[in-house]
PDB file of N, CA and C in Angstrom:
ATOM      1  N   MET A   1      13.925 117.995 159.800  1.00  0.00           N
ATOM      2  CA  MET A   1      13.506 119.110 159.961  1.00  0.00           C
ATOM      3  C   MET A   1      13.700 119.727 158.848  1.00  0.00           C
ATOM      4  N   VAL A   2      14.652 119.150 157.842  1.00  0.00           N
ATOM      5  CA  VAL A   2      14.779 119.557 156.138  1.00  0.00           C
ATOM      6  C   VAL A   2      14.056 118.907 155.071  1.00  0.00           C
ATOM      7  N   SER A   3      13.952 117.448 155.646  1.00  0.00           N
ATOM      8  CA  SER A   3      13.322 116.468 154.945  1.00  0.00           C
ATOM      9  C   SER A   3      11.256 116.826 155.219  1.00  0.00           C
ATOM     10  N   LYS A   4      11.383 117.009 156.768  1.00  0.00           N
ATOM     11  CA  LYS A   4      10.225 117.564 156.360  1.00  0.00           C
ATOM     12  C   LYS A   4       9.361 118.728 155.625  1.00  0.00           C
ATOM     13  N   ASN A   5      10.686 119.198 155.868  1.00  0.00           N
ATOM     14  CA  ASN A   5      10.042 120.759 154.270  1.00  0.00           C
ATOM     15  C   ASN A   5      10.253 120.204 152.597  1.00  0.00           C
ATOM     16  N   GLY A   6      10.942 119.560 152.417  1.00  0.00           N
ATOM     17  CA  GLY A   6      10.586 118.879 150.950  1.00  0.00           C
ATOM     18  C   GLY A   6       9.963 118.064 151.159  1.00  0.00           C
ATOM     19  N   ILE A   7       9.523 117.068 152.415  1.00  0.00           N
ATOM     20  CA  ILE A   7       8.066 116.587 152.266  1.00  0.00           C
ATOM     21  C   ILE A   7       7.107 117.033 151.902  1.00  0.00           C
ATOM     22  N   LEU A   8       6.985 118.263 152.519  1.00  0.00           N
ATOM     23  CA  LEU A   8       5.855 119.455 152.738  1.00  0.00           C
ATOM     24  C   LEU A   8       5.846 119.965 151.252  1.00  0.00           C
ATOM     25  N   ILE A   9       7.174 120.344 150.358  1.00  0.00           N
ATOM     26  CA  ILE A   9       7.062 121.151 148.695  1.00  0.00           C
ATOM     27  C   ILE A   9       6.485 120.078 148.343  1.00  0.00           C
ATOM     28  N   VAL A  10       6.865 118.520 148.139  1.00  0.00           N
ATOM     29  CA  VAL A  10       6.666 117.572 147.341  1.00  0.00           C
ATOM     30  C   VAL A  10       4.934 117.934 147.438  1.00  0.00           C
ATOM     31  N   GLU A  11       4.340 116.992 148.679  1.00  0.00           N
ATOM     32  CA  GLU A  11       2.808 117.298 149.317  1.00  0.00           C
ATOM     33  C   GLU A  11       2.233 118.007 148.322  1.00  0.00           C
ATOM     34  N   PHE A  12       2.488 119.424 148.662  1.00  0.00           N
ATOM     35  CA  PHE A  12       1.608 120.552 148.161  1.00  0.00           C
ATOM     36  C   PHE A  12       2.164 120.137 146.423  1.00  0.00           C
ATOM     37  N   ALA A  13       2.784 120.682 145.974  1.00  0.00           N
ATOM     38  CA  ALA A  13       2.685 119.915 144.309  1.00  0.00           C
ATOM     39  C   ALA A  13       1.914 119.655 143.720  1.00  0.00           C
ATOM     40  N   ASN A  14       2.111 117.826 144.632  1.00  0.00           N
ATOM     41  CA  ASN A  14       0.845 116.531 144.276  1.00  0.00           C
ATOM     42  C   ASN A  14      -0.293 117.479 144.399  1.00  0.00           C
ATOM     43  N   GLN A  15      -1.105 118.163 145.131  1.00  0.00           N
ATOM     44  CA  GLN A  15      -2.046 118.719 146.028  1.00  0.00           C
ATOM     45  C   GLN A  15      -2.365 119.273 144.582  1.00  0.00           C
ATOM     46  N   LEU A  16      -2.078 120.862 144.125  1.00  0.00           N
ATOM     47  CA  LEU A  16      -1.605 121.200 143.588  1.00  0.00           C
ATOM     48  C   LEU A  16      -2.262 120.608 142.751  1.00  0.00           C
ATOM     49  N   GLN A  17      -1.451 119.700 141.368  1.00  0.00           N
ATOM     50  CA  GLN A  17      -0.822 118.934 140.242  1.00  0.00           C
ATOM     51  C   GLN A  17      -2.770 118.715 140.156  1.00  0.00           C
ATOM     52  N   VAL A  18      -3.411 117.695 141.935  1.00  0.00           N
ATOM     53  CA  VAL A  18      -4.433 117.377 141.595  1.00  0.00           C
ATOM     54  C   VAL A  18      -5.512 118.408 141.400  1.00  0.00           C
ATOM     55  N   GLU A  19      -5.580 118.257 142.497  1.00  0.00           N
ATOM     56  CA  GLU A  19      -7.225 120.241 143.039  1.00  0.00           C
ATOM     57  C   GLU A  19      -7.228 121.130 141.423  1.00  0.00           C
ATOM     58  N   ARG A  20      -6.019 121.063 141.397  1.00  0.00           N
ATOM     59  CA  ARG A  20      -5.829 122.642 139.979  1.00  0.00           C
ATOM     60  C   ARG A  20      -5.570 122.426 139.127  1.00  0.00           C
ATOM     61  N   GLY A  21      -4.784 121.174 138.796  1.00  0.00           N
ATOM     62  CA  GLY A  21      -4.988 120.207 137.244  1.00  0.00           C
ATOM     63  C   GLY A  21      -3.887 121.766 136.859  1.00  0.00           C
ATOM     64  N   LEU A  22      -2.826 121.399 137.951  1.00  0.00           N
ATOM     65  CA  LEU A  22      -1.326 122.323 137.021  1.00  0.00           C
ATOM     66  C   LEU A  22      -0.140 121.600 136.746  1.00  0.00           C
ATOM     67  N   ASP A  23       0.354 121.951 135.935  1.00  0.00           N
ATOM     68  CA  ASP A  23       1.426 120.763 135.200  1.00  0.00           C
ATOM     69  C   ASP A  23       2.593 120.908 136.079  1.00  0.00           C
ATOM     70  N   LYS A  24       3.451 119.850 136.627  1.00  0.00           N
ATOM     71  CA  LYS A  24       5.039 120.060 137.517  1.00  0.00           C
ATOM     72  C   LYS A  24       5.256 121.539 137.711  1.00  0.00           C
ATOM     73  N   ILE A  25       6.139 122.142 136.850  1.00  0.00           N
ATOM     74  CA  ILE A  25       6.508 122.790 136.619  1.00  0.00           C
ATOM     75  C   ILE A  25       6.019 123.964 137.451  1.00  0.00           C
ATOM     76  N   LYS A  26       5.060 124.477 137.153  1.00  0.00           N
ATOM     77  CA  LYS A  26       3.921 125.355 138.251  1.00  0.00           C
ATOM     78  C   LYS A  26       3.175 124.640 139.122  1.00  0.00           C
ATOM     79  N   ALA A  27       3.433 123.687 139.616  1.00  0.00           N
ATOM     80  CA  ALA A  27       3.047 122.374 140.600  1.00  0.00           C
ATOM     81  C   ALA A  27       3.882 123.391 141.517  1.00  0.00           C
ATOM     82  N   VAL A  28       4.993 122.846 141.303  1.00  0.00           N
ATOM     83  CA  VAL A  28       5.997 122.705 141.943  1.00  0.00           C
ATOM     84  C   VAL A  28       6.897 124.277 143.150  1.00  0.00           C
ATOM     85  N   ILE A  29       6.426 125.346 141.444  1.00  0.00           N
ATOM     86  CA  ILE A  29       6.988 127.065 141.832  1.00  0.00           C
ATOM     87  C   ILE A  29       6.068 126.969 142.818  1.00  0.00           C
ATOM     88  N   GLU A  30       4.590 127.089 142.905  1.00  0.00           N
ATOM     89  CA  GLU A  30       3.377 127.654 143.435  1.00  0.00           C
ATOM     90  C   GLU A  30       3.897 126.776 145.303  1.00  0.00           C
ATOM     91  N   ALA A  31       4.349 126.066 144.968  1.00  0.00           N
ATOM     92  CA  ALA A  31       4.318 125.212 146.467  1.00  0.00           C
ATOM     93  C   ALA A  31       5.325 125.513 146.797  1.00  0.00           C
ATOM     94  N   ALA A  32       7.186 125.053 146.729  1.00  0.00           N
ATOM     95  CA  ALA A  32       8.271 126.254 146.864  1.00  0.00           C
ATOM     96  C   ALA A  32       7.559 127.497 147.404  1.00  0.00           C
ATOM     97  N   ALA A  33       7.444 128.674 146.300  1.00  0.00           N
ATOM     98  CA  ALA A  33       6.679 129.883 146.895  1.00  0.00           C
ATOM     99  C   ALA A  33       5.837 130.027 148.303  1.00  0.00           C
ATOM    100  N   ILE A  34       4.770 128.612 148.393  1.00  0.00           N
ATOM    101  CA  ILE A  34       3.805 128.881 149.851  1.00  0.00           C
ATOM    102  C   ILE A  34       4.244 128.687 150.695  1.00  0.00           C
ATOM    103  N   ARG A  35       5.681 127.799 150.477  1.00  0.00           N
ATOM    104  CA  ARG A  35       6.309 126.722 152.070  1.00  0.00           C
ATOM    105  C   ARG A  35       7.723 127.521 152.009  1.00  0.00           C
ATOM    106  N   LEU A  36       8.097 128.697 151.300  1.00  0.00           N
ATOM    107  CA  LEU A  36       8.982 129.207 151.288  1.00  0.00           C
ATOM    108  C   LEU A  36       9.698 130.303 152.543  1.00  0.00           C
ATOM    109  N   ARG A  37       8.162 130.349 152.824  1.00  0.00           N
ATOM    110  CA  ARG A  37       8.218 131.651 154.674  1.00  0.00           C
ATOM    111  C   ARG A  37       8.832 130.806 156.106  1.00  0.00           C
ATOM    112  N   PRO A  38       7.319 129.713 155.540  1.00  0.00           N
ATOM    113  CA  PRO A  38       7.760 128.898 156.298  1.00  0.00           C
ATOM    114  C   PRO A  38       8.858 128.440 157.184  1.00  0.00           C
ATOM    115  N   ILE A  39       9.570 127.545 155.946  1.00  0.00           N
ATOM    116  CA  ILE A  39      11.121 126.992 155.519  1.00  0.00           C
ATOM    117  C   ILE A  39      12.087 127.594 155.810  1.00  0.00           C
ATOM    118  N   ILE A  40      12.024 129.523 155.864  1.00  0.00           N
ATOM    119  CA  ILE A  40      13.128 130.400 155.469  1.00  0.00           C
ATOM    120  C   ILE A  40      12.918 130.576 157.482  1.00  0.00           C
ATOM    121  N   MET A  41      12.507 130.846 158.013  1.00  0.00           N
ATOM    122  CA  MET A  41      11.652 131.314 159.223  1.00  0.00           C
ATOM    123  C   MET A  41      11.764 130.054 160.266  1.00  0.00           C
ATOM    124  N   THR A  42      11.869 128.411 160.528  1.00  0.00           N
ATOM    125  CA  THR A  42      12.308 127.814 161.034  1.00  0.00           C
ATOM    126  C   THR A  42      13.807 127.407 161.369  1.00  0.00           C
ATOM    127  N   SER A  43      13.628 127.913 159.685  1.00  0.00           N
ATOM    128  CA  SER A  43      15.562 127.290 159.760  1.00  0.00           C
ATOM    129  C   SER A  43      16.018 128.390 160.462  1.00  0.00           C
ATOM    130  N   LEU A  44      16.424 130.147 159.726  1.00  0.00           N
ATOM    131  CA  LEU A  44      16.646 130.720 160.663  1.00  0.00           C
ATOM    132  C   LEU A  44      16.604 130.652 161.754  1.00  0.00           C
ATOM    133  N   ALA A  45      15.636 130.493 162.371  1.00  0.00           N
ATOM    134  CA  ALA A  45      15.113 130.311 164.086  1.00  0.00           C
ATOM    135  C   ALA A  45      15.765 128.665 165.039  1.00  0.00           C
ATOM    136  N   LEU A  46      16.439 128.190 163.983  1.00  0.00           N
ATOM    137  CA  LEU A  46      17.039 126.736 164.183  1.00  0.00           C
ATOM    138  C   LEU A  46      18.606 127.057 164.247  1.00  0.00           C
ATOM    139  N   ILE A  47      19.069 128.222 163.536  1.00  0.00           N
ATOM    140  CA  ILE A  47      20.306 128.418 163.202  1.00  0.00           C
ATOM    141  C   ILE A  47      20.984 129.926 164.562  1.00  0.00           C
ATOM    142  N   PHE A  48      20.103 130.168 164.461  1.00  0.00           N
ATOM    143  CA  PHE A  48      20.422 130.955 165.539  1.00  0.00           C
ATOM    144  C   PHE A  48      20.327 130.458 166.973  1.00  0.00           C
ATOM    145  N   ALA A  49      19.536 129.974 166.675  1.00  0.00           N
ATOM    146  CA  ALA A  49      19.832 129.735 168.853  1.00  0.00           C
ATOM    147  C   ALA A  49      21.077 128.173 168.459  1.00  0.00           C
ATOM    148  N   MET A  50      21.577 128.128 167.607  1.00  0.00           N
ATOM    149  CA  MET A  50      22.772 127.517 167.161  1.00  0.00           C
ATOM    150  C   MET A  50      24.328 128.608 168.174  1.00  0.00           C
ATOM    151  N   VAL A  51      24.183 130.045 168.121  1.00  0.00           N
ATOM    152  CA  VAL A  51      25.013 131.154 168.271  1.00  0.00           C
ATOM    153  C   VAL A  51      25.364 131.152 169.530  1.00  0.00           C
ATOM    154  N   PRO A  52      24.675 130.908 170.767  1.00  0.00           N
ATOM    155  CA  PRO A  52      25.082 130.970 172.076  1.00  0.00           C
ATOM    156  C   PRO A  52      26.920 129.922 172.069  1.00  0.00           C
ATOM    157  N   LEU A  53      26.431 128.601 171.159  1.00  0.00           N
ATOM    158  CA  LEU A  53      26.879 127.483 171.003  1.00  0.00           C
ATOM    159  C   LEU A  53      27.895 127.231 170.269  1.00  0.00           C
ATOM    160  N   LEU A  54      27.537 128.739 169.121  1.00  0.00           N
ATOM    161  CA  LEU A  54      29.242 129.237 168.635  1.00  0.00           C
ATOM    162  C   LEU A  54      29.801 130.451 169.505  1.00  0.00           C
ATOM    163  N   ILE A  55      29.349 131.070 170.080  1.00  0.00           N
ATOM    164  CA  ILE A  55      30.597 132.200 170.707  1.00  0.00           C
ATOM    165  C   ILE A  55      30.739 131.756 172.323  1.00  0.00           C
ATOM    166  N   ALA A  56      30.452 130.450 172.463  1.00  0.00           N
ATOM    167  CA  ALA A  56      30.655 129.722 174.170  1.00  0.00           C
ATOM    168  C   ALA A  56      32.208 129.850 174.954  1.00  0.00           C
ATOM    169  N   VAL A  57      32.519 130.639 175.986  1.00  0.00           N
ATOM    170  CA  VAL A  57      33.960 130.729 175.921  1.00  0.00           C
ATOM    171  C   VAL A  57      34.098 129.946 177.764  1.00  0.00           C
ATOM    172  N   GLY A  58      35.161 129.487 177.877  1.00  0.00           N
ATOM    173  CA  GLY A  58      35.210 128.311 179.014  1.00  0.00           C
ATOM    174  C   GLY A  58      35.295 126.659 178.521  1.00  0.00           C
ATOM    175  N   PRO A  59      35.078 125.930 179.548  1.00  0.00           N
ATOM    176  CA  PRO A  59      36.000 124.933 179.529  1.00  0.00           C
ATOM    177  C   PRO A  59      34.510 123.800 178.709  1.00  0.00           C
ATOM    178  N   GLY A  60      34.663 123.283 177.443  1.00  0.00           N
ATOM    179  CA  GLY A  60      34.525 122.447 176.933  1.00  0.00           C
ATOM    180  C   GLY A  60      33.811 123.530 175.490  1.00  0.00           C
ATOM    181  N   ALA A  61      34.988 124.789 176.088  1.00  0.00           N
ATOM    182  CA  ALA A  61      33.805 126.092 174.491  1.00  0.00           C
ATOM    183  C   ALA A  61      33.930 125.106 172.467  1.00  0.00           C
ATOM    184  N   GLU A  62      35.173 124.522 172.755  1.00  0.00           N
ATOM    185  CA  GLU A  62      35.456 123.668 171.449  1.00  0.00           C
ATOM    186  C   GLU A  62      34.935 122.682 171.464  1.00  0.00           C
ATOM    187  N   SER A  63      33.553 122.447 171.470  1.00  0.00           N
ATOM    188  CA  SER A  63      33.471 120.710 171.938  1.00  0.00           C
ATOM    189  C   SER A  63      31.999 121.614 171.010  1.00  0.00           C
ATOM    190  N   ARG A  64      30.996 122.209 172.005  1.00  0.00           N
ATOM    191  CA  ARG A  64      30.378 123.182 171.801  1.00  0.00           C
ATOM    192  C   ARG A  64      30.043 124.003 170.369  1.00  0.00           C
ATOM    193  N   PHE A  65      31.627 124.354 170.250  1.00  0.00           N
ATOM    194  CA  PHE A  65      31.443 125.097 168.892  1.00  0.00           C
ATOM    195  C   PHE A  65      31.533 124.498 167.942  1.00  0.00           C
ATOM    196  N   ALA A  66      32.484 123.557 168.391  1.00  0.00           N
ATOM    197  CA  ALA A  66      31.955 121.687 166.842  1.00  0.00           C
ATOM    198  C   ALA A  66      30.833 121.948 166.873  1.00  0.00           C
ATOM    199  N   ILE A  67      29.729 121.692 167.378  1.00  0.00           N
ATOM    200  CA  ILE A  67      28.889 120.980 167.780  1.00  0.00           C
ATOM    201  C   ILE A  67      27.573 121.987 166.937  1.00  0.00           C
ATOM    202  N   GLY A  68      27.495 122.918 167.194  1.00  0.00           N
ATOM    203  CA  GLY A  68      26.706 124.555 167.044  1.00  0.00           C
ATOM    204  C   GLY A  68      27.239 124.924 165.500  1.00  0.00           C
ATOM    205  N   LEU A  69      28.966 124.504 164.757  1.00  0.00           N
ATOM    206  CA  LEU A  69      28.925 125.123 163.527  1.00  0.00           C
ATOM    207  C   LEU A  69      28.399 123.444 163.251  1.00  0.00           C
ATOM    208  N   THR A  70      28.715 122.577 163.505  1.00  0.00           N
ATOM    209  CA  THR A  70      27.752 121.432 162.684  1.00  0.00           C
ATOM    210  C   THR A  70      26.781 121.726 162.402  1.00  0.00           C
ATOM    211  N   ILE A  71      25.755 122.000 163.220  1.00  0.00           N
ATOM    212  CA  ILE A  71      24.199 122.519 163.284  1.00  0.00           C
ATOM    213  C   ILE A  71      23.550 123.310 162.132  1.00  0.00           C
ATOM    214  N   SER A  72      24.182 123.941 162.343  1.00  0.00           N
ATOM    215  CA  SER A  72      24.256 125.148 162.087  1.00  0.00           C
ATOM    216  C   SER A  72      24.084 125.071 160.389  1.00  0.00           C
ATOM    217  N   ALA A  73      25.450 124.740 159.954  1.00  0.00           N
ATOM    218  CA  ALA A  73      25.857 124.119 158.971  1.00  0.00           C
ATOM    219  C   ALA A  73      24.771 123.822 158.277  1.00  0.00           C
ATOM    220  N   GLY A  74      25.273 122.552 158.443  1.00  0.00           N
ATOM    221  CA  GLY A  74      23.740 121.325 157.706  1.00  0.00           C
ATOM    222  C   GLY A  74      22.704 121.625 158.110  1.00  0.00           C
ATOM    223  N   LEU A  75      21.635 123.331 158.829  1.00  0.00           N
ATOM    224  CA  LEU A  75      21.000 123.493 157.915  1.00  0.00           C
ATOM    225  C   LEU A  75      21.165 124.426 157.666  1.00  0.00           C
ATOM    226  N   GLY A  76      21.839 125.363 157.148  1.00  0.00           N
ATOM    227  CA  GLY A  76      22.104 125.990 155.979  1.00  0.00           C
ATOM    228  C   GLY A  76      22.321 126.112 154.914  1.00  0.00           C
ATOM    229  N   ILE A  77      22.949 124.397 154.863  1.00  0.00           N
ATOM    230  CA  ILE A  77      23.060 123.690 153.426  1.00  0.00           C
ATOM    231  C   ILE A  77      21.871 122.664 153.292  1.00  0.00           C
ATOM    232  N   GLY A  78      21.612 122.150 154.280  1.00  0.00           N
ATOM    233  CA  GLY A  78      20.395 121.810 153.670  1.00  0.00           C
ATOM    234  C   GLY A  78      19.211 122.627 152.986  1.00  0.00           C
ATOM    235  N   THR A  79      18.440 123.594 153.305  1.00  0.00           N
ATOM    236  CA  THR A  79      17.769 124.471 153.705  1.00  0.00           C
ATOM    237  C   THR A  79      17.755 125.136 152.119  1.00  0.00           C
ATOM    238  N   LEU A  80      19.068 125.390 151.580  1.00  0.00           N
ATOM    239  CA  LEU A  80      19.492 125.453 149.844  1.00  0.00           C
ATOM    240  C   LEU A  80      18.940 124.709 149.539  1.00  0.00           C
ATOM    241  N   PHE A  81      19.558 123.006 149.723  1.00  0.00           N
ATOM    242  CA  PHE A  81      19.038 122.433 149.046  1.00  0.00           C
ATOM    243  C   PHE A  81      17.828 121.843 148.611  1.00  0.00           C
ATOM    244  N   THR A  82      16.751 122.348 149.547  1.00  0.00           N
ATOM    245  CA  THR A  82      15.154 122.562 149.954  1.00  0.00           C
ATOM    246  C   THR A  82      14.710 123.328 148.902  1.00  0.00           C
ATOM    247  N   ILE A  83      14.900 124.596 149.311  1.00  0.00           N
ATOM    248  CA  ILE A  83      14.669 125.150 147.796  1.00  0.00           C
ATOM    249  C   ILE A  83      15.072 125.544 146.351  1.00  0.00           C
ATOM    250  N   PHE A  84      16.199 124.974 146.373  1.00  0.00           N
ATOM    251  CA  PHE A  84      17.028 125.067 145.157  1.00  0.00           C
ATOM    252  C   PHE A  84      17.488 124.092 144.389  1.00  0.00           C
ATOM    253  N   VAL A  85      17.538 123.153 145.006  1.00  0.00           N
ATOM    254  CA  VAL A  85      17.605 121.280 144.896  1.00  0.00           C
ATOM    255  C   VAL A  85      16.191 119.789 144.816  1.00  0.00           C
ATOM    256  N   LEU A  86      15.479 120.715 145.596  1.00  0.00           N
ATOM    257  CA  LEU A  86      14.814 119.582 145.215  1.00  0.00           C
ATOM    258  C   LEU A  86      13.834 119.801 144.177  1.00  0.00           C
ATOM    259  N   PRO A  87      12.468 121.397 144.031  1.00  0.00           N
ATOM    260  CA  PRO A  87      12.227 121.296 142.687  1.00  0.00           C
ATOM    261  C   PRO A  87      12.683 121.348 141.599  1.00  0.00           C
ATOM    262  N   ALA A  88      14.043 121.253 141.769  1.00  0.00           N
ATOM    263  CA  ALA A  88      14.537 120.788 140.234  1.00  0.00           C
ATOM    264  C   ALA A  88      14.602 118.639 139.829  1.00  0.00           C
ATOM    265  N   PHE A  89      15.011 118.607 141.178  1.00  0.00           N
ATOM    266  CA  PHE A  89      15.284 117.078 140.742  1.00  0.00           C
ATOM    267  C   PHE A  89      13.452 116.983 141.135  1.00  0.00           C
ATOM    268  N   TYR A  90      11.704 116.841 141.219  1.00  0.00           N
ATOM    269  CA  TYR A  90      10.371 117.036 141.316  1.00  0.00           C
ATOM    270  C   TYR A  90      10.188 117.256 140.134  1.00  0.00           C
ATOM    271  N   ILE A  91      10.734 118.364 139.256  1.00  0.00           N
ATOM    272  CA  ILE A  91       9.978 118.183 137.695  1.00  0.00           C
ATOM    273  C   ILE A  91      11.213 117.021 137.052  1.00  0.00           C
ATOM    274  N   LEU A  92      11.936 116.420 136.943  1.00  0.00           N
ATOM    275  CA  LEU A  92      12.190 115.335 136.520  1.00  0.00           C
ATOM    276  C   LEU A  92      11.932 114.772 136.535  1.00  0.00           C
ATOM    277  N   LEU A  93      11.973 113.635 138.090  1.00  0.00           N
ATOM    278  CA  LEU A  93      11.423 112.611 138.184  1.00  0.00           C
ATOM    279  C   LEU A  93      10.238 112.422 139.053  1.00  0.00           C
ATOM    280  N   ALA A  94       8.754 113.258 138.945  1.00  0.00           N
ATOM    281  CA  ALA A  94       7.934 113.247 139.806  1.00  0.00           C
ATOM    282  C   ALA A  94       6.893 113.258 138.652  1.00  0.00           C
ATOM    283  N   ARG A  95       5.900 112.160 138.926  1.00  0.00           N
ATOM    284  CA  ARG A  95       4.404 112.449 138.181  1.00  0.00           C
ATOM    285  C   ARG A  95       3.358 113.066 137.371  1.00  0.00           C
ATOM    286  N   ASP A  96       3.393 112.877 136.943  1.00  0.00           N
ATOM    287  CA  ASP A  96       2.540 114.198 136.811  1.00  0.00           C
ATOM    288  C   ASP A  96       0.901 113.697 136.659  1.00  0.00           C
ATOM    289  N   HIS A  97       0.184 114.249 137.991  1.00  0.00           N
ATOM    290  CA  HIS A  97      -1.108 114.067 138.218  1.00  0.00           C
ATOM    291  C   HIS A  97      -2.506 114.285 137.905  1.00  0.00           C
ATOM    292  N   ASN A  98      -2.078 115.068 137.173  1.00  0.00           N
ATOM    293  CA  ASN A  98      -3.859 115.923 136.934  1.00  0.00           C
ATOM    294  C   ASN A  98      -3.333 115.589 135.464  1.00  0.00           C
ATOM    295  N   LYS A  99      -2.500 114.342 134.857  1.00  0.00           N
ATOM    296  CA  LYS A  99      -3.081 113.422 133.297  1.00  0.00           C
ATOM    297  C   LYS A  99      -3.937 112.646 133.201  1.00  0.00           C
ATOM    298  N   THR A 100      -5.495 112.384 133.153  1.00  0.00           N
ATOM    299  CA  THR A 100      -6.156 111.652 132.725  1.00  0.00           C
ATOM    300  C   THR A 100      -5.916 110.549 132.081  1.00  0.00           C
ATOM    301  N   THR A 101      -5.927 109.336 132.466  1.00  0.00           N
ATOM    302  CA  THR A 101      -5.742 108.017 130.769  1.00  0.00           C
ATOM    303  C   THR A 101      -7.667 107.941 130.983  1.00  0.00           C
ATOM    304  N   HIS A 102      -6.965 107.678 129.224  1.00  0.00           N
ATOM    305  CA  HIS A 102      -7.958 106.990 128.989  1.00  0.00           C
ATOM    306  C   HIS A 102      -8.087 104.657 127.865  1.00  0.00           C
TER     307      HIS A 102
END
């Protein structure tokens, strides 16, 4: 899911560069802003879905807790990387798609 969100931000930024002629920085900022709400909503839904694993009691509760903690922490960290780190790397590594070659 985290990789899908990252791919969508990059794709949106590339489209904004081509269609609106935005530079890399403006395009990735707008793409991240457009995708922010869906990313947060899906990530929080999946993290909250792990709550039953985190509060489980009884036989096997320790292994369920470990699985729930791993999934929820991974999603949380991955979401933060998608929101903050990916746009920075896009600015550093992406091509300008709006420049015309002569």
